[in-house]
Protein backbone atom coordinates (compact mmCIF):
# COMPACT_ATOMS: atom_id res chain seq x y z
CA MET A 1 127.50 -91.30 175.82
CA SER A 2 127.52 -87.64 176.19
CA PRO A 3 124.38 -85.72 176.38
CA ASN A 4 125.15 -84.16 172.83
CA GLU A 5 125.93 -87.71 171.52
CA TYR A 6 122.56 -88.52 172.88
CA ILE A 7 120.63 -85.85 171.19
CA GLN A 8 122.45 -86.39 167.81
CA ASN A 9 121.52 -90.12 168.03
CA ALA A 10 117.98 -89.44 168.97
CA LEU A 11 117.42 -87.04 166.15
CA ARG A 12 118.70 -89.83 163.71
CA THR A 13 115.23 -91.43 164.32
CA GLU A 14 113.07 -88.33 164.16
CA THR A 15 110.88 -87.88 161.29
CA ASN A 16 110.98 -84.77 159.18
CA GLN A 17 107.53 -84.93 157.84
CA TYR A 18 104.93 -83.12 159.86
CA SER A 19 101.42 -82.69 158.73
CA PHE A 20 100.60 -79.66 161.01
CA PRO A 21 101.78 -76.23 160.30
CA SER A 22 103.73 -73.87 162.69
CA THR A 23 101.45 -71.49 164.77
CA GLY A 24 103.35 -68.45 165.73
CA LYS A 25 106.48 -69.71 167.73
CA VAL A 26 104.73 -73.19 168.06
CA THR A 27 106.74 -75.19 165.55
CA PRO A 28 105.78 -78.64 164.49
CA ARG A 29 108.80 -80.02 166.38
CA ILE A 30 107.78 -78.19 169.56
CA GLU A 31 104.16 -79.53 169.15
CA HIS A 32 105.45 -82.96 168.49
CA ALA A 33 107.84 -82.90 171.41
CA VAL A 34 105.37 -81.53 173.99
CA MET A 35 102.62 -84.04 172.78
CA GLY A 36 105.22 -86.85 173.15
CA LEU A 37 106.23 -85.87 176.53
CA VAL A 38 102.67 -85.72 177.71
CA THR A 39 101.85 -89.23 176.17
CA GLU A 40 104.90 -90.84 177.79
CA ALA A 41 104.36 -89.26 181.19
CA ALA A 42 100.78 -90.64 181.13
CA GLU A 43 102.19 -94.09 180.16
CA CYS A 44 104.41 -93.79 183.27
CA MET A 45 101.42 -92.86 185.23
CA ASP A 46 99.43 -95.85 183.94
CA ALA A 47 102.27 -98.29 185.22
CA LEU A 48 101.94 -96.75 188.60
CA LYS A 49 98.15 -96.79 188.60
CA LYS A 50 98.31 -100.55 187.64
CA ALA A 51 100.70 -101.07 190.69
CA LYS A 52 98.58 -98.78 193.25
CA ILE A 53 95.13 -99.57 192.34
CA TYR A 54 95.02 -102.86 190.77
CA GLY A 55 97.87 -104.58 193.17
CA ARG A 56 100.07 -105.61 190.20
CA GLU A 57 103.81 -105.61 190.57
CA LEU A 58 105.48 -102.38 189.43
CA ASP A 59 107.05 -103.05 186.04
CA LEU A 60 110.36 -101.32 186.60
CA VAL A 61 111.51 -102.35 182.89
CA ASN A 62 108.45 -100.55 181.41
CA LEU A 63 109.11 -97.33 183.56
CA LYS A 64 112.90 -97.40 182.45
CA GLU A 65 111.63 -97.80 178.80
CA GLU A 66 109.24 -94.84 179.23
CA ALA A 67 111.99 -92.71 180.72
CA GLY A 68 113.81 -93.40 177.55
CA ASP A 69 110.88 -92.39 175.49
CA ILE A 70 110.82 -89.12 177.60
CA MET A 71 114.64 -88.57 176.88
CA TRP A 72 113.94 -88.74 173.20
CA TYR A 73 111.13 -86.26 173.01
CA LEU A 74 113.35 -83.96 175.42
CA ALA A 75 116.11 -84.35 172.92
CA VAL A 76 113.83 -83.15 170.00
CA LEU A 77 112.51 -80.13 172.10
CA ALA A 78 116.20 -79.06 173.06
CA ASP A 79 117.37 -79.32 169.52
CA GLU A 80 114.41 -77.28 168.36
CA LEU A 81 115.01 -74.63 171.12
CA GLY A 82 118.67 -74.44 170.20
CA VAL A 83 119.76 -75.45 173.78
CA SER A 84 121.73 -78.41 175.23
CA PHE A 85 120.87 -80.68 177.94
CA GLU A 86 123.72 -79.11 180.03
CA GLU A 87 122.35 -75.63 179.64
CA ILE A 88 118.80 -76.85 180.55
CA TRP A 89 120.19 -78.65 183.73
CA GLU A 90 122.33 -75.64 184.90
CA LYS A 91 119.38 -73.13 184.47
CA ASN A 92 117.12 -75.38 186.23
CA ILE A 93 119.48 -75.84 189.20
CA ALA A 94 120.08 -72.19 189.28
CA LYS A 95 116.35 -71.53 189.40
CA LEU A 96 115.95 -74.20 192.19
CA LYS A 97 118.72 -72.61 194.27
CA THR A 98 116.88 -69.30 194.05
CA ARG A 99 113.64 -71.03 195.22
CA TYR A 100 115.27 -73.09 197.89
CA PRO A 101 118.52 -71.39 199.11
CA GLU A 102 119.43 -74.29 201.35
CA LYS A 103 116.95 -76.99 200.79
CA TYR A 104 113.28 -77.65 200.06
CA THR A 105 110.74 -76.13 202.37
CA ASP A 106 106.88 -75.92 202.19
CA GLU A 107 107.42 -72.25 203.08
CA HIS A 108 109.64 -71.52 200.01
CA ALA A 109 107.52 -73.71 197.84
CA ILE A 110 104.54 -71.58 198.63
CA ASN A 111 106.11 -68.14 198.67
CA ARG A 112 108.12 -68.38 195.60
CA ASP A 113 109.82 -65.37 194.05
CA THR A 114 108.88 -65.89 190.40
CA ALA A 115 110.32 -62.66 189.19
CA ALA A 116 113.72 -63.66 190.49
CA GLU A 117 113.29 -67.30 188.94
CA ARG A 118 112.37 -65.84 185.42
CA ALA A 119 115.41 -63.34 185.60
CA ILE A 120 117.63 -66.47 186.04
CA LEU A 121 115.94 -68.18 183.17
CA GLU A 122 116.27 -65.37 180.83
CA GLN A 123 120.04 -64.82 181.51
């Protein structure tokens, strides 16, 4: 399945009935997607907590399921922003290449050129 096919299949299951209005540039779809991303990320953290703190076996099936849910919310967000997964990936890698020209270093992480990174994202 291609990234665009994934987005189209994900959107097939999206509700079109939102009970909260837009606030400036924050549309109901953006709000729903971001709230969902945070919720699903918290569910991933809960799985890690159960393994690290309570000594349970890490539930990899659950983590994969949560990763799928995160992808679903990313599909909604990408569609609302009018951007493809490929465009998101390309901009992210270009930004990271600016931040870390060769590879990750703590020095580059601490002393980021946020103006240069923003310029890449705005292209």
